[in-house]
Protein backbone atom coordinates (compact mmCIF):
# COMPACT_ATOMS: atom_id res chain seq x y z
CA MET A 1 73.58 103.99 166.89
CA TRP A 2 76.21 101.75 165.34
CA THR A 3 73.49 100.13 163.24
CA GLU A 4 72.53 103.53 161.85
CA VAL A 5 76.19 104.40 161.11
CA LEU A 6 76.69 101.06 159.35
CA LEU A 7 73.51 101.53 157.32
CA LEU A 8 74.55 105.05 156.32
CA ALA A 9 78.02 103.85 155.30
CA THR A 10 76.51 101.00 153.28
CA LEU A 11 74.14 103.36 151.46
CA GLN A 12 77.00 105.78 150.76
CA PHE A 13 79.15 102.95 149.37
CA MET A 14 76.29 101.72 147.15
CA SER A 15 75.65 105.25 145.93
CA THR A 16 79.33 105.77 145.09
CA GLY A 17 79.52 102.40 143.35
CA LEU A 18 76.44 103.12 141.25
CA GLN A 19 77.76 106.55 140.34
CA GLY A 20 81.12 105.12 139.24
CA ALA A 21 79.45 102.34 137.23
CA GLU A 22 76.76 104.51 135.61
CA SER A 23 76.53 103.54 131.97
CA ALA A 24 77.82 106.05 129.42
CA ARG A 25 77.68 106.04 125.62
CA ILE A 26 81.23 106.10 124.22
CA LEU A 27 82.40 106.38 120.60
CA SER A 28 85.94 105.15 119.88
CA LEU A 29 87.52 106.40 116.65
CA LEU A 30 90.54 104.11 116.36
CA ASN A 31 91.15 104.62 112.65
CA VAL A 32 94.96 104.36 112.51
CA ALA A 33 95.63 101.19 110.51
CA SER A 34 98.00 99.31 112.79
CA PRO A 35 97.07 96.01 114.50
CA SER A 36 99.48 96.78 117.36
CA HIS A 37 97.76 100.12 118.00
CA TYR A 38 94.42 98.37 118.16
CA ILE A 39 95.74 95.64 120.45
CA PHE A 40 96.84 98.39 122.84
CA SER A 41 93.63 100.43 122.70
CA ARG A 42 91.21 97.48 122.71
CA ALA A 43 92.22 96.71 126.29
CA LEU A 44 90.57 99.96 127.38
CA ILE A 45 87.60 99.54 125.03
CA ILE A 46 86.80 96.05 126.35
CA ALA A 47 87.32 97.12 129.97
CA LEU A 48 84.86 100.00 129.53
CA ALA A 49 82.32 97.70 127.86
CA ASN A 50 82.69 95.18 130.69
CA ARG A 51 81.91 97.95 133.18
CA GLY A 52 78.54 98.50 131.53
CA HIS A 53 79.34 101.38 129.17
CA GLN A 54 77.84 101.22 125.68
CA VAL A 55 80.91 101.41 123.43
CA THR A 56 80.93 101.86 119.65
CA VAL A 57 84.29 101.39 117.96
CA ALA A 58 85.19 102.35 114.37
CA SER A 59 88.46 100.82 113.21
CA PRO A 60 90.04 98.75 110.42
CA ASP A 61 90.42 96.09 113.14
CA ALA A 62 86.88 96.32 114.52
CA GLY A 63 84.88 93.10 114.63
CA LYS A 64 87.56 90.93 116.21
CA ASP A 65 85.96 91.20 119.66
CA ASN A 66 82.48 89.87 120.37
CA VAL A 67 81.70 91.15 123.86
CA PRO A 68 78.51 92.59 125.40
CA ASN A 69 77.94 96.36 125.10
CA LEU A 70 80.42 96.64 122.19
CA THR A 71 79.27 97.71 118.72
CA ASN A 72 81.82 97.24 115.93
CA ILE A 73 82.02 99.37 112.80
CA LYS A 74 84.71 97.97 110.54
CA LEU A 75 86.55 100.30 108.16
CA GLU A 76 86.98 97.57 105.60
CA GLY A 77 89.61 97.06 102.91
CA VAL A 78 92.21 99.42 104.40
CA TYR A 79 95.06 97.00 105.08
CA GLU A 80 94.78 95.27 101.73
CA THR A 81 95.19 98.46 99.71
CA LEU A 82 97.75 100.19 101.94
CA ARG A 83 100.06 97.17 101.75
CA ASP A 84 100.14 97.55 97.97
CA ASP A 85 100.82 101.29 98.11
CA PHE A 86 103.59 101.50 100.72
CA ASP A 87 106.86 99.72 101.34
CA TYR A 88 106.88 99.43 105.15
CA GLU A 89 110.34 97.86 105.19
CA ASN A 90 111.92 100.84 103.36
CA PHE A 91 109.84 103.78 104.49
CA GLY A 92 110.87 107.15 103.02
CA ASP A 93 114.09 107.96 101.20
CA GLY A 94 116.44 107.09 104.05
CA THR A 95 116.52 110.61 105.53
CA HIS A 96 114.56 111.72 108.57
CA THR A 97 112.79 114.46 106.62
CA GLY A 98 111.96 111.86 103.98
CA VAL A 99 110.47 109.57 106.63
CA ILE A 100 108.32 112.46 107.91
CA THR A 101 107.10 113.20 104.38
CA ALA A 102 106.36 109.52 103.72
CA LEU A 103 104.55 109.24 107.05
CA PHE A 104 102.14 112.05 106.23
CA GLN A 105 101.64 110.64 102.72
CA TRP A 106 100.73 107.32 104.35
CA VAL A 107 98.22 109.01 106.67
CA SER A 108 96.68 110.88 103.71
CA ALA A 109 96.27 107.65 101.74
CA LEU A 110 94.91 105.92 104.85
CA CYS A 111 92.28 108.61 105.41
CA GLN A 112 91.17 108.61 101.78
CA LYS A 113 90.55 104.87 101.92
CA GLU A 114 88.83 105.01 105.32
CA LEU A 115 86.51 107.88 104.45
CA ASN A 116 85.44 105.96 101.33
CA SER A 117 84.72 102.81 103.36
CA ASP A 118 81.22 101.56 104.05
CA GLY A 119 82.02 101.69 107.75
CA ALA A 120 82.70 105.44 107.70
CA LYS A 121 79.52 106.05 105.68
CA LYS A 122 77.54 103.94 108.16
CA LEU A 123 78.78 106.07 111.07
CA LEU A 124 78.08 109.23 109.07
CA ASN A 125 74.46 108.12 108.70
CA TYR A 126 73.99 107.89 112.47
CA PRO A 127 71.49 110.60 113.53
CA SER A 128 73.28 113.75 114.66
CA ASN A 129 71.06 113.87 117.74
CA ASP A 130 72.31 110.39 118.66
CA GLN A 131 74.54 111.82 121.35
CA PHE A 132 77.63 110.25 122.92
CA ASP A 133 78.88 111.10 126.40
CA LEU A 134 82.53 110.70 125.38
CA ILE A 135 84.61 110.22 122.26
CA ILE A 136 87.97 108.43 122.26
CA VAL A 137 90.39 109.26 119.44
CA GLU A 138 93.97 108.38 118.60
CA ALA A 139 96.28 111.22 119.61
CA ALA A 140 97.97 111.35 116.21
CA PHE A 141 97.30 110.47 112.56
CA GLY A 142 93.56 109.91 112.92
CA GLU A 143 92.61 113.55 112.34
CA CYS A 144 90.38 113.05 109.30
CA PHE A 145 87.76 111.50 111.63
CA TYR A 146 87.66 114.58 113.88
CA GLY A 147 84.51 115.67 112.04
CA PHE A 148 82.57 113.03 113.96
CA ILE A 149 83.30 114.98 117.15
CA GLN A 150 81.33 117.95 115.80
CA LYS A 151 78.65 115.72 114.28
CA PHE A 152 77.83 114.21 117.66
CA GLY A 153 77.66 117.49 119.58
CA SER A 154 81.30 117.94 120.62
CA PRO A 155 81.29 115.85 123.82
CA PRO A 156 84.47 115.52 125.91
CA VAL A 157 87.34 113.87 124.05
CA VAL A 158 89.97 111.49 125.43
CA ALA A 159 92.99 110.91 123.20
CA ILE A 160 94.95 107.68 123.39
CA SER A 161 98.56 107.52 122.23
CA PRO A 162 100.00 104.02 121.73
CA PHE A 163 103.45 105.37 120.76
CA GLY A 164 103.99 108.35 123.05
CA LEU A 165 103.51 112.09 122.64
CA THR A 166 104.17 114.08 119.47
CA PRO A 167 105.41 117.70 119.16
CA TRP A 168 101.98 118.93 118.00
CA ILE A 169 100.07 117.31 120.87
CA ASP A 170 102.61 118.83 123.25
CA ALA A 171 102.10 122.23 121.64
CA ALA A 172 98.30 121.98 121.58
CA LEU A 173 97.99 120.98 125.25
CA GLY A 174 100.78 123.16 126.64
CA ILE A 175 102.92 120.15 127.59
CA PRO A 176 106.58 121.12 128.08
CA ASP A 177 108.60 119.92 125.09
CA ASN A 178 112.23 120.97 125.03
CA PRO A 179 114.41 119.60 122.19
CA SER A 180 117.53 120.29 124.23
CA TYR A 181 116.93 117.06 126.16
CA MET A 182 113.82 115.48 124.60
CA PRO A 183 114.78 113.64 121.39
CA VAL A 184 112.30 113.37 118.53
CA SER A 185 110.94 109.82 118.55
CA MET A 186 112.44 108.88 115.18
CA LEU A 187 116.00 109.89 116.14
CA PRO A 188 118.39 107.42 117.80
CA TYR A 189 119.29 109.84 120.61
CA THR A 190 118.96 109.85 124.37
CA SER A 191 118.30 112.77 126.72
CA SER A 192 122.07 113.32 126.93
CA MET A 193 122.79 114.75 123.48
CA THR A 194 125.95 116.31 122.10
CA PHE A 195 125.77 119.86 120.74
CA THR A 196 125.53 118.54 117.17
CA GLN A 197 122.77 116.14 118.15
CA LYS A 198 120.85 118.93 119.90
CA LEU A 199 121.16 121.09 116.81
CA TYR A 200 119.86 118.34 114.53
CA ASN A 201 117.19 117.28 117.00
CA THR A 202 115.90 120.88 117.17
CA TYR A 203 115.83 121.07 113.37
CA ILE A 204 113.88 117.80 113.00
CA HIS A 205 111.57 118.76 115.88
CA TYR A 206 110.47 122.01 114.22
CA TYR A 207 110.46 120.50 110.71
CA TYR A 208 108.12 117.78 111.99
CA LEU A 209 105.91 120.38 113.67
CA TYR A 210 105.88 122.64 110.60
CA LYS A 211 104.95 119.81 108.20
CA TYR A 212 102.18 118.72 110.52
CA LEU A 213 100.63 122.14 111.14
CA TYR A 214 101.02 123.73 107.70
CA VAL A 215 100.86 120.76 105.32
CA HIS A 216 99.22 117.79 106.99
CA ILE A 217 96.47 119.49 109.02
CA PRO A 218 95.19 121.64 106.10
CA ASN A 219 95.06 118.44 104.03
CA MET A 220 93.10 116.62 106.75
CA GLU A 221 90.70 119.54 107.21
CA ALA A 222 90.02 119.72 103.46
CA MET A 223 89.44 115.96 103.30
CA ALA A 224 87.05 116.06 106.26
CA LYS A 225 85.16 119.08 104.90
CA GLU A 226 84.51 117.22 101.66
CA PHE A 227 83.36 114.08 103.48
CA PHE A 228 81.12 115.75 106.07
CA LYS A 229 79.82 118.37 103.60
CA GLN A 230 80.14 121.18 106.13
CA ASP A 231 82.69 123.58 107.53
CA MET A 232 85.03 122.08 110.10
CA PRO A 233 86.38 123.72 113.25
CA SER A 234 90.15 124.04 113.37
CA PHE A 235 91.60 120.62 114.09
CA VAL A 236 94.29 122.27 116.21
CA ASP A 237 91.53 123.84 118.33
CA ILE A 238 89.95 120.39 118.68
CA GLN A 239 93.24 119.08 120.01
CA ARG A 240 93.51 122.01 122.42
CA ASN A 241 90.21 120.90 123.92
CA PHE A 242 91.22 117.29 124.51
CA SER A 243 90.23 116.50 128.08
CA LEU A 244 92.87 113.85 128.58
CA VAL A 245 95.73 112.06 126.85
CA LEU A 246 96.36 108.44 127.80
CA GLU A 247 100.02 107.94 126.89
CA ASN A 248 101.90 104.69 126.43
CA THR A 249 104.77 105.83 128.65
CA ILE A 250 106.85 103.22 130.44
CA PHE A 251 108.60 104.41 133.59
CA GLY A 252 112.23 103.36 133.43
CA LEU A 253 112.29 102.85 129.67
CA GLU A 254 111.64 106.43 128.57
CA ASP A 255 113.73 109.30 129.87
CA ALA A 256 111.93 111.31 132.54
CA ARG A 257 110.07 114.40 131.31
CA PRO A 258 107.49 116.84 132.76
CA LEU A 259 103.81 116.18 132.03
CA THR A 260 100.66 118.19 132.65
CA PRO A 261 97.91 116.75 134.92
CA ASN A 262 95.79 115.69 131.92
CA VAL A 263 98.49 113.34 130.58
CA ILE A 264 98.12 109.91 132.19
CA PRO A 265 100.93 107.33 131.73
CA ILE A 266 99.43 103.92 130.91
CA GLY A 267 102.45 102.07 129.54
CA GLY A 268 101.78 98.40 128.88
CA MET A 269 98.04 98.77 129.45
CA HIS A 270 97.32 95.87 127.10
CA VAL A 271 99.62 93.37 128.86
CA LYS A 272 97.88 90.88 131.12
CA GLU A 273 99.69 90.05 134.34
CA LYS A 274 98.65 86.42 133.99
CA PRO A 275 99.20 85.24 130.40
CA ASP A 276 96.52 83.31 128.54
CA PRO A 277 97.14 79.60 127.88
CA LEU A 278 99.04 78.88 124.67
CA PRO A 279 97.66 76.53 121.99
CA LYS A 280 98.52 72.96 122.94
CA ASP A 281 100.91 72.32 120.04
CA LEU A 282 102.77 75.57 120.69
CA GLN A 283 102.89 74.92 124.44
CA LYS A 284 104.39 71.47 123.79
CA TYR A 285 106.95 72.87 121.34
CA LEU A 286 108.18 75.47 123.83
CA ASP A 287 108.03 73.18 126.86
CA GLU A 288 110.30 70.69 125.08
CA ALA A 289 112.94 73.30 124.23
CA LYS A 290 115.58 71.93 126.64
CA ASP A 291 118.08 74.64 125.60
CA GLY A 292 115.41 77.30 125.61
CA PHE A 293 113.94 79.15 122.64
CA ILE A 294 114.35 82.47 120.83
CA TYR A 295 111.28 84.37 119.68
CA PHE A 296 111.55 86.44 116.48
CA SER A 297 108.96 88.94 115.22
CA LEU A 298 109.00 92.22 113.31
CA GLY A 299 105.64 93.33 114.66
CA SER A 300 102.25 93.76 113.03
CA ASN A 301 103.13 96.03 110.09
CA LEU A 302 106.60 94.90 109.07
CA ARG A 303 106.81 91.50 107.40
CA SER A 304 109.63 89.01 107.83
CA ASP A 305 108.85 87.52 104.42
CA ALA A 306 109.67 90.91 102.87
CA LEU A 307 113.29 90.80 104.10
CA SER A 308 115.91 90.61 101.37
CA PRO A 309 117.31 87.21 100.34
CA SER A 310 120.67 88.11 101.90
CA GLN A 311 119.01 89.03 105.22
CA LEU A 312 117.00 85.81 105.26
CA GLN A 313 120.12 83.80 104.42
CA ALA A 314 122.05 85.49 107.26
CA LEU A 315 119.29 84.72 109.77
CA LEU A 316 118.76 81.12 108.67
CA GLY A 317 122.51 80.47 108.62
CA ALA A 318 122.88 81.80 112.15
CA PHE A 319 119.84 79.94 113.49
CA SER A 320 121.11 76.65 112.08
CA GLU A 321 124.17 76.85 114.35
CA LEU A 322 122.22 77.41 117.56
CA PRO A 323 121.00 74.70 119.97
CA GLN A 324 117.97 76.80 120.88
CA ARG A 325 114.64 76.47 119.14
CA ILE A 326 113.53 79.47 117.07
CA LEU A 327 109.88 80.55 117.00
CA TRP A 328 109.45 82.98 114.12
CA LYS A 329 106.42 85.09 113.14
CA PHE A 330 106.70 84.62 109.38
CA GLU A 331 103.86 85.75 107.15
CA SER A 332 104.21 83.20 104.31
CA GLU A 333 103.37 79.50 104.32
CA ASN A 334 106.89 78.36 103.48
CA LEU A 335 110.42 79.47 104.33
CA PRO A 336 112.93 77.82 101.97
CA GLY A 337 116.09 76.57 103.65
CA MET A 338 114.50 76.52 107.11
CA PRO A 339 116.62 74.58 109.65
CA PRO A 340 114.90 71.90 111.76
CA ASN A 341 115.12 74.02 114.93
CA VAL A 342 112.97 76.79 113.37
CA LYS A 343 109.16 76.91 113.59
CA ILE A 344 107.19 79.58 111.69
CA SER A 345 103.65 80.89 112.04
CA LYS A 346 101.76 83.78 110.44
CA TRP A 347 100.45 85.05 113.78
CA LEU A 348 101.50 84.29 117.34
CA PRO A 349 100.25 85.33 120.82
CA GLN A 350 103.33 87.41 121.50
CA SER A 351 102.81 88.55 125.09
CA ASP A 352 101.91 85.04 126.21
CA ILE A 353 104.97 83.59 124.45
CA LEU A 354 107.22 86.14 126.15
CA ALA A 355 105.92 84.89 129.51
CA HIS A 356 107.07 81.31 128.87
CA PRO A 357 109.88 80.29 131.28
CA ASN A 358 112.03 78.77 128.51
CA ILE A 359 112.43 81.98 126.52
CA ARG A 360 116.01 83.22 126.21
CA MET A 361 115.58 86.40 124.17
CA PHE A 362 113.35 88.29 121.75
CA ILE A 363 114.66 89.40 118.33
CA SER A 364 112.46 92.43 117.75
CA HIS A 365 111.99 95.50 115.56
CA CYS A 366 111.61 97.46 118.85
CA GLY A 367 108.15 98.86 118.23
CA LYS A 368 106.55 100.44 121.29
CA MET A 369 104.08 97.63 121.92
CA SER A 370 106.68 94.89 121.48
CA THR A 371 109.16 96.74 123.66
CA SER A 372 106.63 97.27 126.46
CA GLU A 373 105.55 93.61 126.39
CA THR A 374 109.18 92.48 126.48
CA MET A 375 110.03 94.79 129.35
CA TYR A 376 106.95 93.73 131.31
CA ARG A 377 107.91 90.06 130.93
CA GLY A 378 111.60 90.75 131.69
CA VAL A 379 113.10 89.33 128.48
CA PRO A 380 116.37 90.60 126.91
CA ILE A 381 116.23 91.94 123.34
CA VAL A 382 118.24 91.77 120.15
CA GLY A 383 116.93 94.90 118.44
CA VAL A 384 116.58 95.26 114.66
CA PRO A 385 114.95 98.70 114.32
CA PHE A 386 113.66 99.93 110.95
CA ALA A 387 112.15 103.41 111.36
CA ALA A 388 110.00 105.80 113.42
CA ASP A 389 110.17 105.37 117.22
CA GLN A 390 111.93 102.00 116.90
CA LEU A 391 115.31 103.78 116.75
CA LEU A 392 114.65 105.70 119.96
CA ASN A 393 113.35 102.57 121.69
CA MET A 394 116.55 100.77 120.67
CA GLN A 395 118.67 103.44 122.31
CA THR A 396 116.79 103.17 125.58
CA ILE A 397 117.09 99.37 125.47
CA ILE A 398 120.86 99.75 125.15
CA ARG A 399 120.94 102.41 127.89
CA THR A 400 119.10 100.16 130.33
CA GLY A 401 121.41 97.24 129.52
CA MET A 402 118.62 94.88 128.51
CA GLY A 403 119.61 94.35 124.89
CA VAL A 404 121.95 94.78 121.93
CA PHE A 405 121.64 96.33 118.48
CA LEU A 406 121.68 94.36 115.21
CA ASP A 407 122.07 96.52 112.09
CA ARG A 408 119.69 95.33 109.38
CA TYR A 409 121.71 97.07 106.66
CA THR A 410 124.91 95.16 107.39
CA MET A 411 123.27 91.97 108.62
CA SER A 412 125.34 88.82 108.12
CA LYS A 413 125.43 85.35 109.60
CA GLU A 414 128.37 86.44 111.77
CA SER A 415 126.69 89.63 113.05
CA VAL A 416 123.49 87.74 113.91
CA LEU A 417 125.41 85.08 115.82
CA LYS A 418 127.50 87.72 117.60
CA ALA A 419 124.40 89.56 118.83
CA ILE A 420 122.61 86.39 119.94
CA ARG A 421 125.64 84.92 121.69
CA GLU A 422 126.27 88.22 123.48
CA ILE A 423 122.86 87.82 125.13
CA LEU A 424 123.28 84.06 125.72
CA ASN A 425 126.75 84.30 127.24
CA ASN A 426 126.32 87.45 129.33
CA ALA A 427 123.87 87.06 132.19
CA SER A 428 123.74 90.81 132.81
CA TYR A 429 121.22 91.32 129.99
CA ALA A 430 118.69 88.92 131.51
CA ALA A 431 119.35 90.40 134.97
CA ASN A 432 118.79 93.95 133.71
CA ALA A 433 115.63 92.88 131.89
CA LYS A 434 114.27 91.39 135.13
CA LYS A 435 115.18 94.57 136.98
CA MET A 436 113.33 96.70 134.44
CA SER A 437 110.34 94.35 134.70
CA GLU A 438 110.20 94.82 138.47
CA MET A 439 110.34 98.59 138.01
CA PHE A 440 107.65 98.45 135.34
CA ARG A 441 105.26 96.49 137.57
CA ASP A 442 105.92 98.46 140.77
CA HIS A 443 102.75 100.59 140.87
CA PRO A 444 99.83 100.82 143.29
CA ASN A 445 97.43 99.86 140.49
CA SER A 446 97.60 98.56 136.94
CA ALA A 447 97.91 100.74 133.85
CA LEU A 448 94.50 99.53 132.67
CA ASP A 449 92.92 100.48 135.99
CA ARG A 450 94.41 103.98 135.64
CA ALA A 451 93.12 104.30 132.08
CA VAL A 452 89.59 103.24 133.08
CA PHE A 453 89.51 105.49 136.17
CA TRP A 454 90.61 108.64 134.35
CA THR A 455 88.35 107.97 131.36
CA GLU A 456 85.37 107.69 133.69
CA TYR A 457 86.68 110.72 135.62
CA VAL A 458 86.32 112.81 132.45
CA ILE A 459 82.73 111.61 132.05
CA ARG A 460 81.87 112.30 135.70
CA HIS A 461 83.32 115.81 135.59
CA GLN A 462 81.97 116.94 132.19
CA GLY A 463 85.34 117.00 130.44
CA ALA A 464 87.43 117.83 133.52
CA PRO A 465 88.58 121.24 132.22
CA HIS A 466 90.37 121.86 135.54
CA LEU A 467 93.08 119.39 134.45
CA ARG A 468 94.11 121.42 131.41
CA SER A 469 97.18 123.59 131.33
CA ALA A 470 96.73 127.32 130.72
CA GLY A 471 99.57 126.94 128.22
CA ALA A 472 97.09 125.33 125.83
CA GLU A 473 95.34 128.70 125.43
CA LEU A 474 98.47 130.62 124.44
CA TYR A 475 99.72 131.38 120.96
CA TRP A 476 103.12 129.90 120.20
CA TYR A 477 104.89 133.25 120.55
CA GLU A 478 103.22 133.77 123.93
CA TYR A 479 104.14 130.27 125.09
CA LEU A 480 107.79 130.90 124.15
CA LEU A 481 107.63 134.36 125.82
CA LEU A 482 108.67 136.01 122.57
CA ASP A 483 106.18 138.84 123.19
CA VAL A 484 107.71 139.46 126.62
CA LEU A 485 111.21 139.20 125.17
CA LEU A 486 110.29 141.72 122.47
CA VAL A 487 109.07 144.21 125.09
CA VAL A 488 112.17 143.66 127.24
CA VAL A 489 114.49 144.12 124.25
CA ALA A 490 112.57 147.22 123.08
CA ALA A 491 112.68 148.73 126.57
CA GLY A 492 116.38 147.97 126.84
CA LEU A 493 117.06 149.60 123.46
CA ALA A 494 114.97 152.62 124.46
CA ILE A 495 116.95 153.02 127.68
CA ILE A 496 120.22 152.72 125.78
CA LEU A 497 119.07 155.36 123.27
CA VAL A 498 117.95 157.73 126.03
CA VAL A 499 121.29 157.32 127.85
CA TYR A 500 123.12 157.82 124.56
CA TRP A 501 121.29 161.05 123.72
CA VAL A 502 121.65 162.42 127.27
CA PHE A 503 125.33 161.55 127.35
CA ARG A 504 125.82 163.11 123.91
CA ALA A 505 124.04 166.31 124.99
CA LEU A 506 126.22 166.55 128.11
CA LEU A 507 129.35 166.10 126.06
CA ASN A 508 128.24 168.84 123.67
CA MET A 509 127.65 171.17 126.59
CA LEU A 510 130.97 170.40 128.26
CA PHE A 511 133.15 170.47 125.19
CA SER A 512 131.47 173.13 123.09
CA ASN A 513 133.97 175.87 121.79
CA PRO A 514 133.53 179.11 123.92
CA SER A 515 135.43 181.24 121.33
CA LYS A 516 132.67 180.54 118.80
CA LYS A 517 130.12 181.80 121.32
CA LYS A 518 132.10 185.09 121.80
CA LYS A 519 132.35 185.68 118.05
CA GLN A 520 128.63 185.09 117.73
CA ASN A 521 128.05 187.68 120.44
């Protein structure tokens, strides 16, 4: 009897394992030109390929990974031309509306270059009956590639968001988004806003949404229609039908907010618990830093060599007075005036460096990927935000007590030293960073495991429509209950009018002049 039970259990386990590992064909449209975005998303792509799925990825960064089951389609030449067209260090005209306008101009230029690439044309020439079981897209700013969803038979779509949710994804999927306590990502606010901040946050929220829906999306649809040579479904409707959104949300860093069941937090998915070994020369340099070292990087899009001469002078002057070694991601071969305690390199394995025991702090632009890696490793931050979500990330770093702000506009040798020494001389920042790291890691499974499970869940359950919120099917005025409010107001006005006319008629009856009635008789 027990033998039969054991055999049955073994067969059931094998059946379940085979079902979970059944190979699927997956197309990944990761066309947002940002190395940090790709670093985040590639963790999922490689994990799916390693589980036996046949994965095709189209991206400006494709081709960097040579793993089984992974087909790379590189959207070539994008970075080279975009760098010439846009000033990443001074994005927009300095206003938040200007940043929004510049952002959509950047996406438009990006899409034009990508759709004209040989990689996009190669994917377009794939047979339309060459079906995929799942398509992975970026949740924002990759819309011009949505036409591939229709081309390949509209399979289930999983969206991945390396920088959090946007107002239009919230609106499309019926995710609660209340500007009274949810700041727009580009504003330096927290969930506890003053009345003035709420007013401005609401204005920017709806300006952002308006520009996206009525300027950006029509532009993307027109661009896609020209490329695919056919009519396109509404891109907003495509977003409404997303099966899942994998969001780079970090518990403890972001303010708490409600999410629908088809939004899966996968903050820090790309960070490995055990860091990879560093190159021998770099390992030796950091090991020998008896006073510790400071790591400095402005991320994958911003360039340290594009800082102004005064900013570079302020940084170099401050670094020269420190006993710590400085490891600096600097994109040029030479840095004039570099002190002997500074080492530069065009590219560095950031997450692995942050795991080194001799690190004292990270001077960062506070991008989402950098912030999540720093929090995971438990390293305090000197934040130098430039634009977009970096400002919001800086506020949460300050709120959690794991870092200080350094204003790039007023940067001086004295302000740099003050910020660095505040971290060095106050142990609370390192303690708070370690506390946030413990909170970040305290989960029953890893973020990557969650991302893989729910991606395969969508495949197993043919899009998993049961996870979607009914709010995604409502028009905006229905979602905001404006139709109900209109009926309630109309009914209230009708009642008031009826009461008014009845009361007026009673008054006329009670106070009418009887002498006039006698004369009439």
